[in-house]
Amino acid sequence: MAQTNEKNKEKRHKINCDLVEAILMILHKDGPQTLEELGEKTTLHTTDFNRQGKRLHIKRKKQLGLIATCEEMTSKNWIKLVNETKYELTYTGIAEAQETIKAYKQGAHRIQTQLLSPSAAARNTTIGYTVVSILKTVTGLLSGSVGLIADGADAIVGTIASVLVWAGIKFKKEIISTLTVISLLFIAAIALFYNSITSIFTNIAGIAHTINMPYTVITIEIITIIAMFILFYYQRLIGRKNKNFALISHSIDSKNSIYSAIVVIIGIVFSIFGIYWIDAIVGTIIAIRITLDGINLSREASKTMKGETPEYSKYKLPFEKQISQRRTDIFQHWILYTIYNDKQSTKQEIIDSLEKAFQPNYMPTLLTEITSSEDTNFEVNFTELITPLIKNGCITTITEKPDTYKLTKKGNSYIKSTTNTKHNK
């Protein structure tokens, strides 16, 4: 049995694996399908959206084409053509489809439990903070950098905070962990402020504090910036998605670590030129920033304790506006493409086409949220998507047919210039 499964896996790798798995799942869920229907439902696997200049281009991927894939699957006895119009699964194909569906569900479950759940995010953040705090503290002590030592102390506090957030989520005591994290922020701010002020007066007294291994410190801080940006984005994304204030709060600490690392780098650069007191100022800046964030988080936490819902929308993600616009551009381009192919389309036909293309019902919901349109409701957002196309003169409504659209000369010209629908055969 194991040998048979290994042989089947080897067969799959000889052809377009993603497209094969999609076809297997579609036929298993929706029954026999024509080639055209399969083409509509495998859009995510057969289409690329690329921006060239200011225009969005749609083209077929340079992979084994849909027709060739179906022919190959037929030769493997996974599918068969019925009445020369529709493909359906064979007995072997049904077994393959069930195995594929099981694998996708298991994959979705692993992603949810190991990556996208609040508990998983808190655990993964703890691991990330632990590594960063060790790197910064050890390098700070070896180099003698006040700024890096202060930054390392902040990272240690962040690690403790991560553990507390993780425990709070696990035991459903999130508000307690949030308040503890805020308290730790204030304690760290006081300690860092004291150490930094002491260092400043030392420099004023003419006792230069030489920093060893400046380039090593800069390298560590660059690594920190990258790591903390990833953690910040990760915490903010999962926190907003799950409305988890503890993760949102911790994301602010991660963002602060980015600023701190940048300031430390500035201090090190000045120290290379013999200006040592700026490195001492770094600790003060970090302490002040931690204090301000602690105050802001305290206000939000007090609202939560009063039963008020935090304003999650104000906690923006980096490049959120650009990502949202990119997604809207793709949806609008697909609307033009749909109307272009059908000559004219009704509102419902356009919505159905968008849902088939970007929210395939044969894949676990979690995976479609990650790979395509998140939780976009095309029916609710239809006016928002279609109105700019009308205003730009790309499409127009048909007077005698309510909610029916067709391309204008401008829209027709645009879609022709930005679309490559040739299939590789």
Protein backbone atom coordinates (compact mmCIF):
# COMPACT_ATOMS: atom_id res chain seq x y z
CA MET A 1 0.00 0.00 0.00
CA ALA A 2 2.85 2.36 0.93
CA GLN A 3 4.60 1.58 -2.35
CA THR A 4 1.42 2.40 -4.29
CA ASN A 5 1.11 5.80 -2.57
CA GLU A 6 4.76 6.56 -3.33
CA LYS A 7 4.23 5.70 -7.00
CA ASN A 8 1.16 7.96 -7.14
CA LYS A 9 3.16 10.82 -5.66
CA GLU A 10 5.88 10.30 -8.28
CA LYS A 11 3.22 10.41 -11.03
CA ARG A 12 1.86 13.71 -9.71
CA HIS A 13 5.23 15.42 -9.79
CA LYS A 14 5.49 14.76 -13.53
CA ILE A 15 2.55 17.07 -14.22
CA ASN A 16 1.15 20.33 -12.85
CA CYS A 17 0.55 19.21 -9.26
CA ASP A 18 -1.51 22.23 -8.10
CA LEU A 19 -3.81 22.07 -11.11
CA VAL A 20 -4.21 18.30 -10.81
CA GLU A 21 -5.21 18.58 -7.16
CA ALA A 22 -7.68 21.36 -7.97
CA ILE A 23 -9.33 19.28 -10.72
CA LEU A 24 -9.56 16.25 -8.43
CA MET A 25 -11.23 18.28 -5.66
CA ILE A 26 -13.61 20.06 -8.05
CA LEU A 27 -14.83 16.83 -9.66
CA HIS A 28 -15.17 15.20 -6.25
CA LYS A 29 -17.25 18.09 -4.86
CA ASP A 30 -19.24 19.30 -7.88
CA GLY A 31 -19.45 16.16 -10.01
CA PRO A 32 -18.77 15.95 -13.79
CA GLN A 33 -17.54 19.21 -15.35
CA THR A 34 -16.91 20.48 -18.84
CA LEU A 35 -13.48 21.81 -19.76
CA GLU A 36 -14.90 25.34 -19.70
CA GLU A 37 -16.31 24.84 -16.19
CA LEU A 38 -12.98 23.48 -14.99
CA GLY A 39 -11.27 26.49 -16.51
CA GLU A 40 -13.51 28.88 -14.58
CA LYS A 41 -12.97 27.06 -11.29
CA THR A 42 -9.20 26.70 -11.55
CA THR A 43 -8.50 30.39 -12.10
CA LEU A 44 -6.21 30.66 -9.08
CA HIS A 45 -4.02 27.90 -10.54
CA THR A 46 -3.95 29.03 -14.16
CA THR A 47 -3.79 32.83 -13.97
CA ASP A 48 -1.21 35.43 -13.00
CA PHE A 49 -1.90 39.08 -12.22
CA ASN A 50 1.14 41.29 -12.84
CA ARG A 51 1.53 45.05 -12.64
CA GLN A 52 3.46 46.59 -15.51
CA GLY A 53 3.82 50.31 -15.06
CA LYS A 54 0.40 51.55 -13.95
CA ARG A 55 -1.51 48.75 -15.65
CA LEU A 56 -2.56 45.42 -14.24
CA HIS A 57 -2.00 42.54 -16.65
CA ILE A 58 -3.70 39.18 -16.55
CA LYS A 59 -2.11 36.19 -18.24
CA ARG A 60 -2.08 32.45 -18.14
CA LYS A 61 0.76 30.91 -16.22
CA LYS A 62 3.49 29.25 -18.23
CA GLN A 63 2.59 25.81 -16.95
CA LEU A 64 1.14 22.68 -18.43
CA GLY A 65 -2.20 23.85 -19.88
CA LEU A 66 -5.60 22.74 -18.63
CA ILE A 67 -6.30 20.60 -21.70
CA ALA A 68 -2.91 18.87 -21.52
CA THR A 69 -3.36 18.33 -17.76
CA CYS A 70 -6.76 16.68 -18.29
CA GLU A 71 -5.31 14.49 -21.03
CA GLU A 72 -2.45 13.46 -18.76
CA MET A 73 -4.86 12.70 -15.91
CA THR A 74 -6.97 10.64 -18.30
CA SER A 75 -3.93 8.61 -19.29
CA LYS A 76 -3.27 7.97 -15.58
CA ASN A 77 -6.88 6.74 -15.26
CA TRP A 78 -7.77 9.40 -12.68
CA ILE A 79 -10.51 11.00 -14.80
CA LYS A 80 -12.47 10.06 -17.91
CA LEU A 81 -14.43 11.93 -20.54
CA VAL A 82 -18.16 11.18 -20.57
CA ASN A 83 -20.21 11.79 -23.74
CA GLU A 84 -17.24 13.75 -25.08
CA THR A 85 -18.34 16.77 -23.05
CA LYS A 86 -17.67 16.29 -19.34
CA TYR A 87 -14.88 14.89 -17.23
CA GLU A 88 -15.62 12.74 -14.20
CA LEU A 89 -13.54 10.84 -11.67
CA THR A 90 -12.70 7.17 -12.11
CA TYR A 91 -12.48 4.85 -9.11
CA THR A 92 -8.77 5.53 -8.96
CA GLY A 93 -9.48 9.26 -9.27
CA ILE A 94 -11.95 9.17 -6.38
CA ALA A 95 -9.29 7.63 -4.14
CA GLU A 96 -6.78 10.27 -5.27
CA ALA A 97 -9.32 13.05 -4.67
CA GLN A 98 -10.14 11.82 -1.17
CA GLU A 99 -6.45 11.65 -0.33
CA THR A 100 -5.95 15.19 -1.67
CA ILE A 101 -8.92 16.61 0.26
CA LYS A 102 -7.66 14.95 3.44
CA ALA A 103 -4.19 16.44 2.91
CA TYR A 104 -5.60 19.95 2.32
CA LYS A 105 -7.78 19.76 5.42
CA GLN A 106 -4.85 18.59 7.50
CA GLY A 107 -2.73 21.38 6.07
CA ALA A 108 -5.38 23.99 6.86
CA HIS A 109 -5.69 22.63 10.39
CA ARG A 110 -1.91 22.81 10.91
CA ILE A 111 -1.78 26.37 9.60
CA GLN A 112 -4.61 27.40 11.93
CA THR A 113 -3.27 25.71 15.04
CA GLN A 114 0.45 26.33 14.49
CA LEU A 115 0.41 29.77 12.88
CA LEU A 116 -2.88 31.69 12.77
CA SER A 117 -4.50 31.12 16.17
CA PRO A 118 -3.86 33.71 18.93
CA SER A 119 -2.21 31.06 21.10
CA ALA A 120 0.12 30.02 18.27
CA ALA A 121 0.98 33.65 17.53
CA ALA A 122 1.85 34.27 21.19
CA ARG A 123 3.99 31.13 21.34
CA ASN A 124 5.82 31.91 18.09
CA THR A 125 6.36 35.49 19.24
CA THR A 126 7.93 34.22 22.47
CA ILE A 127 10.42 32.16 20.48
CA GLY A 128 11.27 35.15 18.27
CA TYR A 129 11.72 37.52 21.22
CA THR A 130 13.89 35.02 23.08
CA VAL A 131 16.34 34.72 20.18
CA VAL A 132 16.47 38.50 19.63
CA SER A 133 16.93 39.32 23.34
CA ILE A 134 19.82 36.88 23.66
CA LEU A 135 21.55 38.30 20.57
CA LYS A 136 21.13 41.91 21.69
CA THR A 137 22.03 41.42 25.36
CA VAL A 138 25.17 39.37 24.68
CA THR A 139 26.35 41.73 21.93
CA GLY A 140 25.56 44.77 24.10
CA LEU A 141 27.62 43.48 27.01
CA LEU A 142 30.56 42.54 24.77
CA SER A 143 30.51 45.85 22.90
CA GLY A 144 29.79 48.12 25.84
CA SER A 145 26.97 49.85 23.95
CA VAL A 146 24.58 51.50 26.42
CA GLY A 147 21.96 51.77 23.70
CA LEU A 148 22.18 48.08 22.79
CA ILE A 149 22.17 47.01 26.47
CA ALA A 150 19.04 49.13 26.98
CA ASP A 151 17.54 47.68 23.81
CA GLY A 152 18.44 44.18 25.00
CA ALA A 153 16.70 44.86 28.32
CA ASP A 154 13.63 45.99 26.38
CA ALA A 155 13.76 42.73 24.39
CA ILE A 156 13.93 40.72 27.61
CA VAL A 157 10.84 42.55 28.86
CA GLY A 158 9.24 41.76 25.49
CA THR A 159 10.08 38.08 25.97
CA ILE A 160 8.50 38.05 29.43
CA ALA A 161 5.50 39.87 27.99
CA SER A 162 5.21 37.24 25.25
CA VAL A 163 5.13 34.46 27.83
CA LEU A 164 2.45 36.29 29.80
CA VAL A 165 0.35 36.95 26.69
CA TRP A 166 0.68 33.29 25.73
CA ALA A 167 -0.41 32.17 29.19
CA GLY A 168 -3.24 34.72 29.26
CA ILE A 169 -4.62 33.49 25.95
CA LYS A 170 -4.21 29.85 26.91
CA PHE A 171 -6.01 30.26 30.22
CA LYS A 172 -8.44 32.91 28.95
CA LYS A 173 -7.06 35.61 31.27
CA GLU A 174 -6.03 38.04 28.56
CA ILE A 175 -6.83 41.22 30.47
CA ILE A 176 -4.58 40.10 33.35
CA SER A 177 -1.68 39.38 31.01
CA THR A 178 -2.25 42.72 29.25
CA LEU A 179 -2.13 44.66 32.54
CA THR A 180 0.99 42.77 33.60
CA VAL A 181 2.67 43.58 30.30
CA ILE A 182 1.84 47.27 30.75
CA SER A 183 3.30 47.19 34.29
CA LEU A 184 6.50 45.62 32.98
CA LEU A 185 6.74 48.36 30.36
CA PHE A 186 6.68 51.05 33.05
CA ILE A 187 9.24 49.23 35.22
CA ALA A 188 11.58 48.80 32.25
CA ALA A 189 11.14 52.46 31.27
CA ILE A 190 12.13 53.67 34.75
CA ALA A 191 15.22 51.44 34.88
CA LEU A 192 16.36 52.39 31.40
CA PHE A 193 15.78 56.07 32.00
CA TYR A 194 17.93 55.96 35.16
CA ASN A 195 20.79 54.10 33.46
CA SER A 196 20.72 56.36 30.41
CA ILE A 197 20.72 59.62 32.41
CA THR A 198 23.63 58.30 34.48
CA SER A 199 25.53 57.53 31.29
CA ILE A 200 24.83 61.01 29.89
CA PHE A 201 26.29 62.70 32.99
CA THR A 202 29.31 60.40 32.78
CA ASN A 203 29.96 61.59 29.23
CA ILE A 204 29.49 65.23 30.27
CA ALA A 205 32.15 64.65 32.93
CA GLY A 206 34.52 63.75 30.11
CA ILE A 207 34.62 60.01 30.64
CA ALA A 208 34.20 58.60 27.13
CA HIS A 209 32.46 55.27 26.93
CA THR A 210 34.13 53.42 24.06
CA ILE A 211 32.00 51.02 22.09
CA ASN A 212 33.69 47.86 20.89
CA MET A 213 32.65 45.97 17.74
CA PRO A 214 30.47 48.78 16.33
CA TYR A 215 29.86 47.00 13.03
CA THR A 216 28.77 43.85 14.85
CA VAL A 217 26.29 45.94 16.85
CA ILE A 218 24.93 47.49 13.65
CA THR A 219 24.54 44.03 12.09
CA ILE A 220 22.66 42.72 15.14
CA GLU A 221 20.34 45.73 15.08
CA ILE A 222 19.61 45.28 11.37
CA ILE A 223 18.69 41.66 12.10
CA THR A 224 16.51 42.95 14.96
CA ILE A 225 14.70 45.41 12.68
CA ILE A 226 13.84 42.63 10.22
CA ALA A 227 12.78 40.20 12.96
CA MET A 228 10.69 42.76 14.83
CA PHE A 229 8.96 43.96 11.69
CA ILE A 230 7.92 40.36 10.95
CA LEU A 231 6.73 39.88 14.54
CA PHE A 232 4.92 43.23 14.57
CA TYR A 233 3.07 42.43 11.33
CA TYR A 234 2.31 38.91 12.51
CA GLN A 235 0.97 39.99 15.92
CA ARG A 236 -1.06 42.85 14.46
CA LEU A 237 -2.54 40.63 11.72
CA ILE A 238 -3.59 37.81 14.07
CA GLY A 239 -4.67 40.26 16.77
CA ARG A 240 -7.00 42.12 14.42
CA LYS A 241 -8.29 38.99 12.74
CA ASN A 242 -9.20 37.41 16.08
CA LYS A 243 -9.98 40.69 17.91
CA ASN A 244 -7.34 39.87 20.50
CA PHE A 245 -6.25 42.99 22.40
CA ALA A 246 -3.34 41.24 24.14
CA LEU A 247 -1.66 40.55 20.78
CA ILE A 248 -2.45 44.07 19.54
CA SER A 249 -0.79 45.47 22.68
CA HIS A 250 2.26 43.31 22.22
CA SER A 251 2.55 44.38 18.57
CA ILE A 252 3.12 47.94 19.81
CA ASP A 253 6.10 46.73 21.82
CA SER A 254 7.47 45.03 18.69
CA LYS A 255 7.05 48.25 16.73
CA ASN A 256 8.90 50.16 19.44
CA SER A 257 11.77 47.70 19.14
CA ILE A 258 12.11 48.67 15.48
CA TYR A 259 12.41 52.35 16.36
CA SER A 260 14.84 51.54 19.16
CA ALA A 261 17.07 49.55 16.84
CA ILE A 262 17.15 52.40 14.32
CA VAL A 263 18.12 54.89 17.02
CA VAL A 264 20.85 52.54 18.32
CA ILE A 265 22.31 52.29 14.81
CA ILE A 266 22.38 56.09 14.61
CA GLY A 267 24.18 56.22 17.97
CA ILE A 268 26.76 53.63 16.86
CA VAL A 269 27.46 55.50 13.63
CA PHE A 270 28.19 58.67 15.62
CA SER A 271 30.43 56.73 18.01
CA ILE A 272 32.56 55.58 15.08
CA PHE A 273 33.40 59.25 14.55
CA GLY A 274 34.22 59.75 18.23
CA ILE A 275 30.88 61.20 19.35
CA TYR A 276 29.97 58.91 22.24
CA TRP A 277 27.28 60.81 24.13
CA ILE A 278 24.63 60.19 21.44
CA ASP A 279 24.69 56.48 22.31
CA ALA A 280 23.75 57.42 25.87
CA ILE A 281 20.84 59.52 24.61
CA VAL A 282 19.47 56.42 22.90
CA GLY A 283 18.49 54.79 26.19
CA THR A 284 16.57 57.91 27.22
CA ILE A 285 14.62 57.98 23.95
CA ILE A 286 13.74 54.31 24.34
CA ALA A 287 12.60 54.85 27.93
CA ILE A 288 10.38 57.81 26.97
CA ARG A 289 8.81 55.89 24.08
CA ILE A 290 8.08 52.87 26.29
CA THR A 291 6.44 55.19 28.84
CA LEU A 292 4.19 56.83 26.24
CA ASP A 293 3.10 53.48 24.84
CA GLY A 294 2.46 52.20 28.35
CA ILE A 295 0.16 55.19 28.99
CA ASN A 296 -1.75 54.64 25.72
CA LEU A 297 -2.16 50.93 26.37
CA SER A 298 -3.34 51.65 29.91
CA ARG A 299 -6.13 53.81 28.49
CA GLU A 300 -7.21 51.08 26.07
CA ALA A 301 -7.02 48.44 28.79
CA SER A 302 -9.24 50.53 31.08
CA LYS A 303 -11.85 50.72 28.30
CA THR A 304 -11.73 46.95 27.93
CA MET A 305 -12.22 46.48 31.68
CA LYS A 306 -15.32 48.70 31.47
CA GLY A 307 -16.77 46.37 28.85
CA GLU A 308 -16.04 48.63 25.88
CA THR A 309 -14.73 47.12 22.65
CA PRO A 310 -11.32 48.43 21.58
CA GLU A 311 -11.18 50.21 18.21
CA TYR A 312 -9.27 47.51 16.33
CA SER A 313 -9.56 49.40 13.04
CA LYS A 314 -7.18 52.11 14.27
CA TYR A 315 -4.37 49.58 14.61
CA LYS A 316 -3.27 49.59 10.99
CA LEU A 317 -1.05 47.07 9.25
CA PRO A 318 2.00 48.21 7.27
CA PHE A 319 1.16 48.73 3.60
CA GLU A 320 -2.49 47.92 4.35
CA LYS A 321 -3.78 50.58 1.99
CA GLN A 322 -1.52 49.45 -0.83
CA ILE A 323 -2.41 45.77 -0.36
CA SER A 324 -6.11 46.60 -0.29
CA GLN A 325 -5.79 48.66 -3.47
CA ARG A 326 -3.89 45.85 -5.18
CA ARG A 327 -6.65 43.40 -4.29
CA THR A 328 -9.32 45.82 -5.57
CA ASP A 329 -7.39 46.28 -8.82
CA ILE A 330 -7.33 42.51 -9.37
CA PHE A 331 -11.07 42.18 -8.71
CA GLN A 332 -11.89 45.07 -11.05
CA HIS A 333 -9.63 43.68 -13.75
CA TRP A 334 -11.39 40.33 -13.43
CA ILE A 335 -14.76 42.06 -13.84
CA LEU A 336 -13.57 43.59 -17.13
CA TYR A 337 -12.18 40.22 -18.19
CA THR A 338 -15.50 38.50 -17.40
CA ILE A 339 -17.54 41.03 -19.38
CA TYR A 340 -15.02 40.87 -22.25
CA ASN A 341 -15.39 37.08 -22.52
CA ASP A 342 -19.20 37.08 -22.24
CA LYS A 343 -19.77 40.29 -24.29
CA GLN A 344 -22.15 41.45 -21.57
CA SER A 345 -22.77 40.31 -18.00
CA THR A 346 -25.38 40.80 -15.31
CA LYS A 347 -24.55 41.76 -11.75
CA GLN A 348 -25.18 38.21 -10.54
CA GLU A 349 -23.03 36.70 -13.30
CA ILE A 350 -20.15 38.97 -12.34
CA ILE A 351 -20.51 38.11 -8.64
CA ASP A 352 -20.63 34.40 -9.46
CA SER A 353 -17.51 34.73 -11.60
CA LEU A 354 -15.62 36.54 -8.81
CA GLU A 355 -16.63 33.93 -6.25
CA LYS A 356 -15.62 31.03 -8.52
CA ALA A 357 -12.28 32.64 -9.29
CA PHE A 358 -11.26 33.93 -5.86
CA GLN A 359 -13.31 31.94 -3.37
CA PRO A 360 -13.21 28.38 -4.76
CA ASN A 361 -15.62 26.19 -2.84
CA TYR A 362 -13.50 23.07 -3.27
CA MET A 363 -10.72 24.38 -0.98
CA PRO A 364 -10.87 24.81 2.81
CA THR A 365 -12.11 28.32 3.65
CA LEU A 366 -8.94 29.12 5.59
CA LEU A 367 -6.77 28.54 2.53
CA THR A 368 -8.93 30.72 0.27
CA GLU A 369 -8.70 33.53 2.84
CA ILE A 370 -4.91 33.29 2.79
CA THR A 371 -4.40 32.90 -0.97
CA SER A 372 -7.10 35.05 -2.49
CA SER A 373 -9.72 37.48 -1.28
CA GLU A 374 -9.72 37.07 2.50
CA ASP A 375 -13.32 37.53 3.66
CA THR A 376 -14.46 39.82 0.84
CA ASN A 377 -18.21 39.72 0.29
CA PHE A 378 -18.55 40.41 -3.42
CA GLU A 379 -22.29 40.94 -3.25
CA VAL A 380 -21.99 43.53 -0.47
CA ASN A 381 -18.97 45.23 -2.07
CA PHE A 382 -20.23 45.06 -5.66
CA THR A 383 -21.14 48.75 -5.93
CA GLU A 384 -17.75 49.73 -4.51
CA LEU A 385 -16.03 47.61 -7.17
CA ILE A 386 -18.18 48.50 -10.19
CA THR A 387 -18.65 52.26 -9.68
CA PRO A 388 -15.02 53.28 -10.44
CA LEU A 389 -15.14 51.24 -13.66
CA ILE A 390 -18.24 53.11 -14.76
CA LYS A 391 -16.79 56.50 -13.78
CA ASN A 392 -13.57 55.74 -15.65
CA GLY A 393 -15.58 54.97 -18.77
CA CYS A 394 -14.49 51.32 -19.01
CA ILE A 395 -17.99 49.85 -18.73
CA THR A 396 -21.54 51.05 -19.10
CA THR A 397 -24.98 49.75 -18.17
CA ILE A 398 -27.50 48.52 -20.71
CA THR A 399 -30.62 50.67 -20.36
CA GLU A 400 -33.14 48.04 -21.41
CA LYS A 401 -31.53 45.37 -19.19
CA PRO A 402 -31.31 46.31 -15.48
CA ASP A 403 -28.03 45.41 -13.73
CA THR A 404 -26.41 44.36 -17.01
CA TYR A 405 -23.02 45.71 -18.07
CA LYS A 406 -20.94 45.83 -21.23
CA LEU A 407 -17.52 47.16 -22.11
CA THR A 408 -17.11 50.56 -23.70
CA LYS A 409 -14.61 51.13 -26.50
CA LYS A 410 -12.11 52.29 -23.85
CA GLY A 411 -12.72 49.21 -21.68
CA ASN A 412 -12.46 46.87 -24.66
CA SER A 413 -9.18 48.45 -25.74
CA TYR A 414 -7.81 48.29 -22.20
CA ILE A 415 -8.61 44.62 -21.61
CA LYS A 416 -7.16 43.63 -24.98
CA SER A 417 -3.91 45.44 -24.21
CA THR A 418 -3.55 43.96 -20.74
CA THR A 419 -4.77 40.40 -21.23
CA ASN A 420 -2.99 37.37 -22.54
CA THR A 421 -5.33 34.41 -22.60
CA LYS A 422 -3.23 32.04 -24.65
CA HIS A 423 -3.02 28.54 -23.20
CA ASN A 424 0.04 26.41 -23.39
CA LYS A 425 -0.87 23.17 -25.02
